[in-house]
């Protein structure tokens, strides 16, 4: 166990910034892997003969496993060492990527994506949970901002890297690129990260883990399937009902055991609960923005995958500016004011984006995208920092797992609900007059499909109708995102605890010595 003095020495060790670099490398891998496969799916479908359902599972197997395992992963890090489990996650992710790069069958690709989801579930919460042991209150906001920016920066890097690789190599290269990145992350974590753990944390409860995995897995699967099958589909309804039963069973079990895996007292902590909800709602809005933009940039404006990734960079620029300025801004005005203001800025950007027309061009998009990045950075970085700061230091791993799980679920809900809204609006407004029923149905599946049908049929009016219908649906989605961000801003201003960091030295001086020793095992 580390003493308070050892913990303070860690907070002052210059190697902590190199250790942060190790976490950044880990998060970058997960960030661009989230979007890189989407670029490769059409090529992979042709090479492997994948059906539409199989293509969906190649993308979704990763998400379902990722979201389902983050809570148990945080607990494993608390108990067996966060650095050890973080490295284990990167090794698993590397192995899955290697299998994917060598696969010549759809089922092997799906299996590889599932393994990668297991590794990602270990990496994501534990990368965040080690921050309190590396940085004191004075620097933690900056560190959270850098790690969050690295994770978000990976999103547009996916299409950029994927487009480049597909132009020069075979489709398996989109998996192979993860291998050196993960290897760099492993080496950096081994040599730069201190080991932290809580040996007194609860044992891994197999039944609770099974309830968590199956309950969240059923929920995420239902959310993913609902836009295509419909919310009234028997399978979707059965999965939703099953997830409610399983998660309720998990809550009941956790309330009865002496050392629960899911510590319900964390949710009773106002600072952790409200900051987690704020971060989750921000991810709901951000997922909507990132979901509607790539088809608009590719199909309507005519950019390729590489160009689409480049054109998402203004959002990352705004995010990096906000991440850099969040620490000083929170120190001066307090986290509540900064989070609420960031959400208002995000709402303004989304509402501005909802005014996009077919003839607006990229310049207008770049404008509101930059503003959205600023709003995202100034809202999610202080919210994440506030949630981490509210965690008892001996539950950093499991608490971070809960935080990242709710964010992931929030993103999945955002894509499902907003994607369903976009799809139904697009189909309703698309003019397929004169087309055979089968072609009209195909054209209504997406704006990309409509363009392909129009190309085969030689129909310029269908192209114009598809572009107009998609831009209208995108505007409606962005308007909903703007309203959601505005409502969240009002709730944040009214209920979030205000946690200024203007007195970091005092915060460090007053750190509870009874709690601090449980944060680290500094034997290495």
Protein backbone atom coordinates (compact mmCIF):
# COMPACT_ATOMS: atom_id res chain seq x y z
CA UNK A 1 0.00 0.00 0.00
CA UNK A 2 1.10 3.54 -0.68
CA UNK A 3 1.23 6.16 2.01
CA UNK A 4 -0.07 9.71 1.59
CA UNK A 5 3.55 10.83 1.11
CA UNK A 6 4.08 8.25 -1.65
CA UNK A 7 0.91 9.40 -3.36
CA UNK A 8 2.05 13.03 -3.23
CA UNK A 9 5.42 12.00 -4.69
CA UNK A 10 3.59 10.31 -7.57
CA UNK A 11 1.62 13.52 -8.19
CA UNK A 12 4.95 15.41 -8.42
CA UNK A 13 6.88 12.84 -10.46
CA UNK A 14 7.67 14.27 -13.95
CA UNK A 15 7.19 10.78 -15.40
CA UNK A 16 3.45 11.16 -14.79
CA UNK A 17 3.18 13.07 -18.10
CA UNK A 18 4.94 10.23 -19.91
CA UNK A 19 2.50 7.86 -18.23
CA UNK A 20 -0.33 10.04 -19.53
CA UNK A 21 1.17 9.54 -23.00
CA UNK A 22 0.75 5.78 -22.50
CA UNK A 23 -2.92 6.29 -21.75
CA UNK A 24 -3.30 8.57 -24.78
CA UNK A 25 -1.81 5.87 -27.03
CA UNK A 26 -4.28 3.34 -25.61
CA UNK A 27 -7.30 5.60 -26.09
CA UNK A 28 -6.30 6.56 -29.64
CA UNK A 29 -6.40 2.89 -30.65
CA UNK A 30 -9.95 2.50 -29.31
CA UNK A 31 -11.04 5.82 -30.80
CA UNK A 32 -10.20 5.19 -34.42
CA UNK A 33 -11.18 1.52 -34.28
CA UNK A 34 -14.73 2.69 -33.50
CA UNK A 35 -15.10 4.18 -36.99
CA UNK A 36 -12.42 2.57 -39.17
CA UNK A 37 -14.42 -0.59 -39.90
CA UNK A 38 -17.36 1.36 -41.36
CA UNK A 39 -15.13 2.48 -44.23
CA UNK A 40 -14.05 -1.09 -44.98
CA UNK A 41 -17.45 -2.83 -44.73
CA UNK A 42 -18.45 -2.45 -48.42
CA UNK A 43 -15.08 -3.87 -49.56
CA UNK A 44 -15.21 -6.68 -46.99
CA UNK A 45 -18.78 -7.58 -47.99
CA UNK A 46 -17.65 -8.04 -51.59
CA UNK A 47 -14.51 -10.00 -50.71
CA UNK A 48 -16.14 -12.28 -48.12
CA UNK A 49 -19.67 -12.49 -49.56
CA UNK A 50 -21.18 -11.08 -46.35
CA UNK A 51 -24.92 -10.56 -46.09
CA UNK A 52 -26.40 -7.35 -44.67
CA UNK A 53 -26.97 -9.07 -41.32
CA UNK A 54 -23.39 -10.32 -41.22
CA UNK A 55 -22.07 -6.85 -42.03
CA UNK A 56 -24.09 -5.47 -39.13
CA UNK A 57 -22.65 -8.07 -36.77
CA UNK A 58 -19.09 -7.32 -37.92
CA UNK A 59 -19.66 -3.78 -36.64
CA UNK A 60 -21.96 -4.51 -33.68
CA UNK A 61 -20.22 -7.49 -32.04
CA UNK A 62 -17.54 -5.08 -30.82
CA UNK A 63 -20.04 -2.57 -29.38
CA UNK A 64 -22.18 -5.14 -27.56
CA UNK A 65 -19.23 -6.84 -25.83
CA UNK A 66 -17.51 -3.51 -25.15
CA UNK A 67 -20.49 -2.00 -23.33
CA UNK A 68 -21.39 -5.20 -21.49
CA UNK A 69 -18.00 -5.92 -19.92
CA UNK A 70 -16.84 -2.50 -18.74
CA UNK A 71 -18.32 -2.81 -15.24
CA UNK A 72 -16.68 -6.17 -14.42
CA UNK A 73 -13.48 -4.91 -16.05
CA UNK A 74 -13.27 -1.97 -13.66
CA UNK A 75 -13.65 -4.31 -10.71
CA UNK A 76 -10.92 -6.61 -12.02
CA UNK A 77 -8.59 -3.61 -12.20
CA UNK A 78 -9.42 -2.60 -8.63
CA UNK A 79 -8.67 -6.07 -7.33
CA UNK A 80 -5.77 -7.35 -9.45
CA UNK A 81 -4.00 -4.13 -10.44
CA UNK A 82 -5.11 -1.48 -12.90
CA UNK A 83 -1.88 -1.40 -14.88
CA UNK A 84 -1.82 -5.20 -15.10
CA UNK A 85 -5.39 -5.40 -16.39
CA UNK A 86 -4.88 -2.43 -18.72
CA UNK A 87 -1.92 -4.22 -20.33
CA UNK A 88 -3.99 -7.43 -20.45
CA UNK A 89 -6.74 -5.55 -22.28
CA UNK A 90 -4.29 -4.18 -24.84
CA UNK A 91 -2.83 -7.67 -25.39
CA UNK A 92 -6.33 -9.10 -25.96
CA UNK A 93 -7.15 -6.21 -28.32
CA UNK A 94 -3.89 -6.82 -30.23
CA UNK A 95 -4.64 -10.55 -30.54
CA UNK A 96 -8.15 -9.89 -31.84
CA UNK A 97 -6.81 -7.39 -34.37
CA UNK A 98 -4.24 -9.92 -35.60
CA UNK A 99 -6.91 -12.60 -36.05
CA UNK A 100 -9.09 -10.12 -37.94
CA UNK A 101 -6.27 -9.19 -40.31
CA UNK A 102 -5.71 -12.87 -41.20
CA UNK A 103 -9.38 -13.92 -41.40
CA UNK A 104 -10.81 -15.19 -44.68
CA UNK A 105 -14.29 -15.96 -43.38
CA UNK A 106 -17.10 -13.71 -42.09
CA UNK A 107 -17.53 -15.71 -38.89
CA UNK A 108 -13.82 -15.32 -38.07
CA UNK A 109 -14.12 -11.55 -38.57
CA UNK A 110 -17.10 -11.44 -36.19
CA UNK A 111 -15.16 -13.55 -33.66
CA UNK A 112 -12.16 -11.21 -33.96
CA UNK A 113 -14.35 -8.16 -33.35
CA UNK A 114 -15.82 -9.86 -30.27
CA UNK A 115 -12.34 -10.49 -28.85
CA UNK A 116 -11.38 -6.87 -29.58
CA UNK A 117 -14.48 -5.78 -27.62
CA UNK A 118 -13.25 -7.74 -24.59
CA UNK A 119 -9.89 -5.98 -24.76
CA UNK A 120 -11.47 -2.56 -25.24
CA UNK A 121 -13.72 -3.12 -22.21
CA UNK A 122 -10.62 -3.55 -20.06
CA UNK A 123 -8.77 -0.58 -21.53
CA UNK A 124 -11.45 2.13 -21.49
CA UNK A 125 -12.46 2.31 -17.78
CA UNK A 126 -8.99 1.50 -16.44
CA UNK A 127 -7.30 4.18 -18.54
CA UNK A 128 -9.52 6.72 -16.77
CA UNK A 129 -9.32 5.12 -13.32
CA UNK A 130 -5.53 5.50 -13.01
CA UNK A 131 -5.68 9.28 -13.49
CA UNK A 132 -6.45 10.13 -9.82
CA UNK A 133 -3.36 8.19 -8.74
CA UNK A 134 -1.15 10.06 -11.25
CA UNK A 135 -2.47 13.61 -10.88
CA UNK A 136 -3.67 15.69 -7.98
CA UNK A 137 -6.73 17.98 -8.16
CA UNK A 138 -4.54 20.77 -9.55
CA UNK A 139 -3.78 18.84 -12.77
CA UNK A 140 -6.50 16.23 -13.05
CA UNK A 141 -8.85 18.35 -15.19
CA UNK A 142 -6.10 18.88 -17.76
CA UNK A 143 -5.27 15.17 -17.76
CA UNK A 144 -8.93 14.17 -18.21
CA UNK A 145 -9.18 16.67 -21.06
CA UNK A 146 -6.13 15.23 -22.82
CA UNK A 147 -7.35 11.63 -22.52
CA UNK A 148 -10.89 12.61 -23.64
CA UNK A 149 -9.44 14.53 -26.59
CA UNK A 150 -7.34 11.50 -27.57
CA UNK A 151 -10.41 9.27 -27.50
CA UNK A 152 -12.46 11.73 -29.57
CA UNK A 153 -9.58 12.46 -31.96
CA UNK A 154 -9.58 8.81 -32.93
CA UNK A 155 -13.11 9.05 -34.35
CA UNK A 156 -12.23 11.07 -37.48
CA UNK A 157 -8.86 9.32 -37.71
CA UNK A 158 -10.76 6.09 -38.42
CA UNK A 159 -12.12 7.16 -41.83
CA UNK A 160 -8.85 8.96 -42.68
CA UNK A 161 -6.65 5.96 -41.89
CA UNK A 162 -9.18 3.47 -43.27
CA UNK A 163 -9.57 5.38 -46.54
CA UNK A 164 -5.80 5.55 -47.00
CA UNK A 165 -5.27 1.86 -46.23
CA UNK A 166 -8.06 0.71 -48.55
CA UNK A 167 -6.59 2.80 -51.35
CA UNK A 168 -3.19 1.11 -50.98
CA UNK A 169 -3.64 -2.29 -49.26
CA UNK A 170 -6.14 -5.14 -48.72
CA UNK A 171 -9.10 -4.85 -46.35
CA UNK A 172 -7.31 -6.75 -43.55
CA UNK A 173 -4.98 -3.77 -43.14
CA UNK A 174 -7.72 -1.96 -41.19
CA UNK A 175 -7.19 -4.60 -38.48
CA UNK A 176 -3.43 -4.87 -38.86
CA UNK A 177 -2.94 -1.14 -38.17
CA UNK A 178 -4.08 -1.79 -34.58
CA UNK A 179 -1.18 -4.17 -33.90
CA UNK A 180 1.70 -1.63 -33.76
CA UNK A 181 -0.53 0.92 -32.02
CA UNK A 182 -1.52 -1.57 -29.32
CA UNK A 183 2.11 -2.72 -28.99
CA UNK A 184 3.21 0.88 -28.37
CA UNK A 185 0.48 1.24 -25.75
CA UNK A 186 1.57 -1.99 -24.03
CA UNK A 187 5.22 -0.93 -23.88
CA UNK A 188 4.34 2.53 -22.62
CA UNK A 189 2.07 1.16 -19.88
CA UNK A 190 4.63 -1.42 -18.73
CA UNK A 191 7.48 1.07 -18.42
CA UNK A 192 5.69 4.28 -17.45
CA UNK A 193 2.53 3.52 -15.47
CA UNK A 194 2.67 2.85 -11.71
CA UNK A 195 0.66 -0.10 -10.46
CA UNK A 196 -2.46 0.83 -8.49
CA UNK A 197 -5.04 -1.44 -6.91
CA UNK A 198 -7.37 -2.02 -4.00
CA UNK A 199 -6.72 -5.51 -2.60
CA UNK A 200 -9.74 -5.10 -0.31
CA UNK A 201 -12.13 -4.69 -3.26
CA UNK A 202 -14.94 -7.26 -3.70
CA UNK A 203 -14.22 -10.62 -5.29
CA UNK A 204 -15.47 -11.07 -8.83
CA UNK A 205 -19.04 -12.36 -8.46
CA UNK A 206 -19.67 -14.77 -11.34
CA UNK A 207 -23.48 -14.50 -11.13
CA UNK A 208 -23.41 -10.69 -10.93
CA UNK A 209 -20.99 -10.58 -13.86
CA UNK A 210 -23.27 -12.87 -15.88
CA UNK A 211 -26.30 -10.70 -15.08
CA UNK A 212 -24.36 -7.57 -16.07
CA UNK A 213 -23.12 -9.02 -19.36
CA UNK A 214 -26.43 -10.57 -20.42
CA UNK A 215 -28.57 -7.66 -19.21
CA UNK A 216 -26.53 -4.91 -20.86
CA UNK A 217 -25.86 -7.13 -23.88
CA UNK A 218 -29.59 -7.67 -24.43
CA UNK A 219 -30.27 -3.95 -24.00
CA UNK A 220 -27.57 -2.87 -26.45
CA UNK A 221 -28.57 -5.54 -28.97
CA UNK A 222 -32.21 -4.44 -28.82
CA UNK A 223 -31.21 -0.81 -29.31
CA UNK A 224 -29.04 -1.73 -32.30
CA UNK A 225 -31.73 -3.89 -33.93
CA UNK A 226 -34.69 -1.56 -33.26
CA UNK A 227 -34.08 0.95 -36.11
CA UNK A 228 -34.17 -1.87 -38.71
CA UNK A 229 -36.72 -4.22 -37.15
CA UNK A 230 -38.93 -1.58 -35.52
CA UNK A 231 -39.54 -0.95 -31.83
CA UNK A 232 -42.64 -3.15 -31.91
CA UNK A 233 -40.80 -6.19 -33.29
CA UNK A 234 -41.26 -9.27 -31.04
CA UNK A 235 -37.52 -9.90 -30.81
CA UNK A 236 -36.79 -6.29 -29.83
CA UNK A 237 -39.57 -6.29 -27.22
CA UNK A 238 -38.40 -9.63 -25.82
CA UNK A 239 -34.82 -8.38 -25.56
CA UNK A 240 -35.89 -5.15 -23.85
CA UNK A 241 -38.08 -7.05 -21.38
CA UNK A 242 -35.29 -9.55 -20.75
CA UNK A 243 -32.76 -6.78 -20.15
CA UNK A 244 -35.08 -5.15 -17.60
CA UNK A 245 -35.50 -8.45 -15.73
CA UNK A 246 -31.77 -9.22 -15.79
CA UNK A 247 -30.65 -5.74 -14.70
CA UNK A 248 -33.33 -5.68 -11.97
CA UNK A 249 -32.01 -9.05 -10.79
CA UNK A 250 -28.49 -7.59 -10.73
CA UNK A 251 -29.61 -4.61 -8.62
CA UNK A 252 -31.49 -6.83 -6.17
CA UNK A 253 -28.51 -9.15 -5.78
CA UNK A 254 -26.04 -6.31 -5.34
CA UNK A 255 -28.18 -4.73 -2.62
CA UNK A 256 -28.11 -7.95 -0.61
CA UNK A 257 -24.42 -8.91 -0.73
CA UNK A 258 -21.99 -7.51 1.80
CA UNK A 259 -19.33 -6.51 -0.76
CA UNK A 260 -21.20 -5.73 -3.99
CA UNK A 261 -19.62 -5.61 -7.43
CA UNK A 262 -21.90 -2.72 -8.41
CA UNK A 263 -21.63 -0.31 -5.50
CA UNK A 264 -25.07 1.33 -5.33
CA UNK A 265 -23.69 3.89 -2.88
CA UNK A 266 -21.80 5.45 -5.80
CA UNK A 267 -25.12 6.27 -7.46
CA UNK A 268 -26.32 7.79 -4.20
CA UNK A 269 -23.40 10.25 -4.32
CA UNK A 270 -24.83 13.40 -5.88
CA UNK A 271 -21.58 14.55 -7.42
CA UNK A 272 -20.88 11.24 -9.14
CA UNK A 273 -24.45 10.61 -10.28
CA UNK A 274 -25.17 14.03 -11.77
CA UNK A 275 -21.78 14.43 -13.45
CA UNK A 276 -22.16 10.94 -14.93
CA UNK A 277 -25.62 11.79 -16.24
CA UNK A 278 -24.30 15.04 -17.75
CA UNK A 279 -21.45 13.19 -19.51
CA UNK A 280 -23.87 10.52 -20.75
CA UNK A 281 -26.30 13.06 -22.21
CA UNK A 282 -23.40 14.85 -23.92
CA UNK A 283 -22.45 11.52 -25.53
CA UNK A 284 -26.07 11.11 -26.67
CA UNK A 285 -25.85 14.43 -28.52
CA UNK A 286 -22.35 13.81 -29.86
CA UNK A 287 -23.31 10.37 -31.17
CA UNK A 288 -26.12 12.00 -33.11
CA UNK A 289 -23.75 14.52 -34.70
CA UNK A 290 -21.19 11.88 -35.68
CA UNK A 291 -23.90 9.56 -36.98
CA UNK A 292 -25.52 11.97 -39.44
CA UNK A 293 -22.42 13.78 -40.70
CA UNK A 294 -20.43 11.09 -42.59
CA UNK A 295 -23.27 10.18 -45.02
CA UNK A 296 -23.89 13.89 -45.61
CA UNK A 297 -20.22 14.56 -46.33
CA UNK A 298 -19.86 11.47 -48.52
CA UNK A 299 -23.15 11.13 -50.39
CA UNK A 300 -24.51 14.69 -50.52
CA UNK A 301 -21.23 16.63 -50.81
CA UNK A 302 -19.44 13.88 -52.76
CA UNK A 303 -16.32 13.31 -50.63
CA UNK A 304 -14.55 9.97 -50.35
CA UNK A 305 -13.85 8.23 -47.01
CA UNK A 306 -10.46 9.91 -46.63
CA UNK A 307 -11.90 13.35 -47.36
CA UNK A 308 -14.77 12.76 -44.95
CA UNK A 309 -12.37 12.07 -42.10
CA UNK A 310 -10.42 15.24 -42.87
CA UNK A 311 -13.62 17.28 -42.86
CA UNK A 312 -14.50 16.11 -39.35
CA UNK A 313 -11.31 17.66 -37.97
CA UNK A 314 -12.83 21.10 -37.14
CA UNK A 315 -14.76 19.40 -34.33
CA UNK A 316 -11.51 17.96 -33.01
CA UNK A 317 -9.91 21.41 -33.22
CA UNK A 318 -12.67 22.87 -31.08
CA UNK A 319 -12.39 19.99 -28.65
CA UNK A 320 -8.62 20.42 -28.27
CA UNK A 321 -9.02 24.15 -27.60
CA UNK A 322 -11.68 23.44 -24.99
CA UNK A 323 -9.64 20.66 -23.36
CA UNK A 324 -6.70 23.04 -23.05
CA UNK A 325 -8.77 25.82 -21.51
CA UNK A 326 -11.10 23.74 -19.33
CA UNK A 327 -8.80 23.63 -16.30
CA UNK A 328 -8.37 27.41 -15.99
CA UNK A 329 -12.03 28.06 -16.78
CA UNK A 330 -13.28 25.63 -14.13
CA UNK A 331 -10.81 27.10 -11.62
CA UNK A 332 -12.28 30.56 -12.17
CA UNK A 333 -15.99 29.90 -12.62
CA UNK A 334 -16.61 26.46 -11.12
CA UNK A 335 -17.57 23.24 -12.88
CA UNK A 336 -21.33 23.81 -12.80
CA UNK A 337 -21.15 27.06 -14.75
CA UNK A 338 -18.64 25.65 -17.25
CA UNK A 339 -20.61 22.44 -17.91
CA UNK A 340 -23.89 24.34 -18.32
CA UNK A 341 -22.26 26.89 -20.65
CA UNK A 342 -20.58 24.15 -22.68
CA UNK A 343 -23.95 22.46 -23.14
CA UNK A 344 -25.52 25.74 -24.28
CA UNK A 345 -22.71 26.15 -26.84
CA UNK A 346 -23.27 22.56 -28.00
CA UNK A 347 -27.01 23.23 -28.31
CA UNK A 348 -26.31 26.38 -30.34
CA UNK A 349 -24.02 24.44 -32.69
CA UNK A 350 -26.59 21.67 -33.22
CA UNK A 351 -29.41 24.15 -33.87
CA UNK A 352 -27.13 26.04 -36.27
CA UNK A 353 -26.39 22.74 -38.01
CA UNK A 354 -30.12 22.00 -38.30
CA UNK A 355 -30.37 24.99 -40.68
CA UNK A 356 -28.09 23.24 -43.21
CA UNK A 357 -29.47 23.04 -46.75
CA UNK A 358 -28.40 21.05 -49.80
CA UNK A 359 -26.63 24.15 -51.12
CA UNK A 360 -24.94 25.21 -47.85
CA UNK A 361 -21.57 23.68 -48.73
CA UNK A 362 -18.80 22.54 -46.42
CA UNK A 363 -17.82 25.99 -45.11
CA UNK A 364 -21.06 26.30 -43.16
CA UNK A 365 -20.65 22.76 -41.80
CA UNK A 366 -17.07 23.49 -40.68
CA UNK A 367 -18.34 26.55 -38.79
CA UNK A 368 -20.95 24.82 -36.66
CA UNK A 369 -18.76 21.73 -36.30
CA UNK A 370 -15.99 23.84 -34.71
CA UNK A 371 -18.51 25.36 -32.29
CA UNK A 372 -19.80 21.87 -31.44
CA UNK A 373 -16.25 20.77 -30.57
CA UNK A 374 -15.89 23.70 -28.17
CA UNK A 375 -19.21 22.90 -26.49
CA UNK A 376 -18.37 19.22 -26.24
CA UNK A 377 -14.97 19.89 -24.67
CA UNK A 378 -16.19 22.43 -22.13
CA UNK A 379 -19.06 20.17 -21.03
CA UNK A 380 -17.73 16.61 -21.07
CA UNK A 381 -14.22 17.27 -19.66
CA UNK A 382 -15.39 18.96 -16.40
CA UNK A 383 -18.24 16.43 -16.09
CA UNK A 384 -15.82 13.49 -16.37
CA UNK A 385 -13.40 15.14 -13.96
CA UNK A 386 -16.21 15.87 -11.48
CA UNK A 387 -17.40 12.27 -11.60
CA UNK A 388 -13.87 10.89 -11.11
CA UNK A 389 -13.18 13.35 -8.28
CA UNK A 390 -16.35 12.22 -6.49
CA UNK A 391 -15.28 8.56 -6.49
CA UNK A 392 -13.87 7.03 -3.32
CA UNK A 393 -10.24 6.46 -4.21
CA UNK A 394 -10.40 2.74 -3.44
CA UNK A 395 -13.22 2.24 -5.96
CA UNK A 396 -11.68 4.14 -8.86
CA UNK A 397 -11.72 1.17 -11.23
CA UNK A 398 -15.28 -0.01 -10.67
CA UNK A 399 -16.57 3.57 -10.48
CA UNK A 400 -14.83 4.46 -13.74
CA UNK A 401 -16.28 1.31 -15.27
CA UNK A 402 -19.77 2.45 -14.29
CA UNK A 403 -19.07 5.94 -15.66
CA UNK A 404 -17.76 4.67 -19.01
CA UNK A 405 -20.55 2.09 -19.29
CA UNK A 406 -23.26 4.72 -18.95
CA UNK A 407 -21.48 6.88 -21.53
CA UNK A 408 -21.28 3.97 -23.96
CA UNK A 409 -24.94 3.10 -23.43
CA UNK A 410 -25.83 6.77 -23.90
CA UNK A 411 -24.01 6.77 -27.23
CA UNK A 412 -25.75 3.57 -28.34
CA UNK A 413 -29.16 4.95 -27.37
CA UNK A 414 -28.38 8.15 -29.26
CA UNK A 415 -27.45 6.28 -32.43
CA UNK A 416 -30.48 3.98 -32.20
CA UNK A 417 -33.10 6.64 -31.48
CA UNK A 418 -31.69 9.35 -33.73
CA UNK A 419 -30.87 6.84 -36.47
CA UNK A 420 -34.47 5.61 -36.41
CA UNK A 421 -35.73 9.19 -36.67
CA UNK A 422 -33.39 9.90 -39.59
CA UNK A 423 -34.31 6.69 -41.44
CA UNK A 424 -38.07 7.17 -41.12
CA UNK A 425 -37.87 10.84 -42.16
CA UNK A 426 -35.68 9.99 -45.15
CA UNK A 427 -38.06 7.26 -46.36
CA UNK A 428 -41.12 9.48 -45.95
CA UNK A 429 -39.67 12.37 -47.98
CA UNK A 430 -37.87 10.39 -50.69
CA UNK A 431 -39.68 10.56 -54.04
CA UNK A 432 -39.45 7.15 -55.76
CA UNK A 433 -42.20 7.81 -58.27
CA UNK A 434 -41.71 5.77 -61.43
CA UNK A 435 -39.34 3.24 -59.86
CA UNK A 436 -40.20 -0.48 -59.52
CA UNK A 437 -41.25 -1.39 -55.98
CA UNK A 438 -38.06 -3.35 -55.29
CA UNK A 439 -35.81 -0.49 -56.39
CA UNK A 440 -37.90 2.02 -54.46
CA UNK A 441 -37.51 -0.06 -51.30
CA UNK A 442 -33.75 -0.32 -51.82
CA UNK A 443 -33.45 3.43 -52.41
CA UNK A 444 -35.28 4.12 -49.15
CA UNK A 445 -32.73 2.20 -47.07
CA UNK A 446 -30.16 5.04 -47.07
CA UNK A 447 -28.96 8.04 -49.03
CA UNK A 448 -26.00 5.98 -50.29
CA UNK A 449 -28.36 3.25 -51.55
CA UNK A 450 -30.53 5.87 -53.23
CA UNK A 451 -27.51 7.26 -55.06
CA UNK A 452 -26.55 3.77 -56.26
CA UNK A 453 -30.10 3.11 -57.50
CA UNK A 454 -30.15 6.50 -59.23
CA UNK A 455 -26.85 5.74 -60.92
CA UNK A 456 -28.13 2.43 -62.28
CA UNK A 457 -31.45 3.91 -63.36
CA UNK A 458 -29.90 7.11 -64.73
CA UNK A 459 -32.29 9.19 -62.64
CA UNK A 460 -31.05 12.69 -61.75
CA UNK A 461 -34.34 13.59 -60.00
CA UNK A 462 -33.84 10.66 -57.59
CA UNK A 463 -30.39 12.01 -56.65
CA UNK A 464 -31.86 15.46 -55.96
CA UNK A 465 -34.74 13.98 -53.95
CA UNK A 466 -32.37 11.77 -51.93
CA UNK A 467 -30.09 14.69 -51.07
CA UNK A 468 -33.00 16.91 -50.05
CA UNK A 469 -34.63 14.13 -47.99
CA UNK A 470 -31.39 13.32 -46.18
CA UNK A 471 -30.55 16.94 -45.39
CA UNK A 472 -34.08 17.42 -44.03
CA UNK A 473 -33.74 14.32 -41.82
CA UNK A 474 -30.29 15.43 -40.68
CA UNK A 475 -31.68 18.84 -39.76
CA UNK A 476 -34.43 17.21 -37.69
CA UNK A 477 -31.90 15.01 -35.86
CA UNK A 478 -29.65 18.00 -35.14
CA UNK A 479 -32.64 19.97 -33.87
CA UNK A 480 -33.46 17.17 -31.44
CA UNK A 481 -29.80 17.11 -30.36
CA UNK A 482 -29.90 20.87 -29.79
CA UNK A 483 -33.04 20.67 -27.66
CA UNK A 484 -31.60 17.74 -25.66
CA UNK A 485 -28.38 19.69 -25.02
CA UNK A 486 -30.34 22.78 -23.96
CA UNK A 487 -32.52 20.81 -21.54
CA UNK A 488 -29.41 19.15 -20.11
CA UNK A 489 -27.80 22.59 -19.68
CA UNK A 490 -30.78 23.80 -17.64
CA UNK A 491 -30.69 20.66 -15.47
CA UNK A 492 -26.94 21.04 -14.97
CA UNK A 493 -27.30 24.68 -13.93
CA UNK A 494 -30.04 23.77 -11.47
CA UNK A 495 -28.76 20.58 -9.87
CA UNK A 496 -25.06 19.96 -10.50
CA UNK A 497 -22.82 20.47 -7.46
CA UNK A 498 -20.39 23.32 -8.00
CA UNK A 499 -16.82 22.09 -7.63
CA UNK A 500 -14.34 24.87 -8.41
CA UNK A 501 -10.66 23.93 -8.51
CA UNK A 502 -9.39 27.36 -7.62
CA UNK A 503 -7.97 25.98 -4.38
CA UNK A 504 -6.17 22.82 -5.50
CA UNK A 505 -3.43 23.13 -2.93
CA UNK A 506 -6.00 23.24 -0.18
CA UNK A 507 -7.75 20.22 -1.66
CA UNK A 508 -4.51 18.25 -1.65
CA UNK A 509 -3.63 19.36 1.88
CA UNK A 510 -7.04 18.24 3.11
CA UNK A 511 -6.98 14.85 1.38
CA UNK A 512 -8.37 12.25 3.73
CA UNK A 513 -5.42 10.19 4.97
CA UNK A 514 -7.74 7.33 5.81
CA UNK A 515 -8.80 6.99 2.18
CA UNK A 516 -5.66 7.93 0.26
CA UNK A 517 -3.58 4.89 1.22
CA UNK A 518 -6.04 2.62 -0.57
CA UNK A 519 -5.42 4.26 -3.93
CA UNK A 520 -2.14 2.74 -4.90
CA UNK A 521 0.11 -0.19 -4.51
CA UNK A 522 3.43 1.52 -5.17
CA UNK A 523 5.55 -1.56 -4.87
CA UNK A 524 6.56 -1.28 -8.53
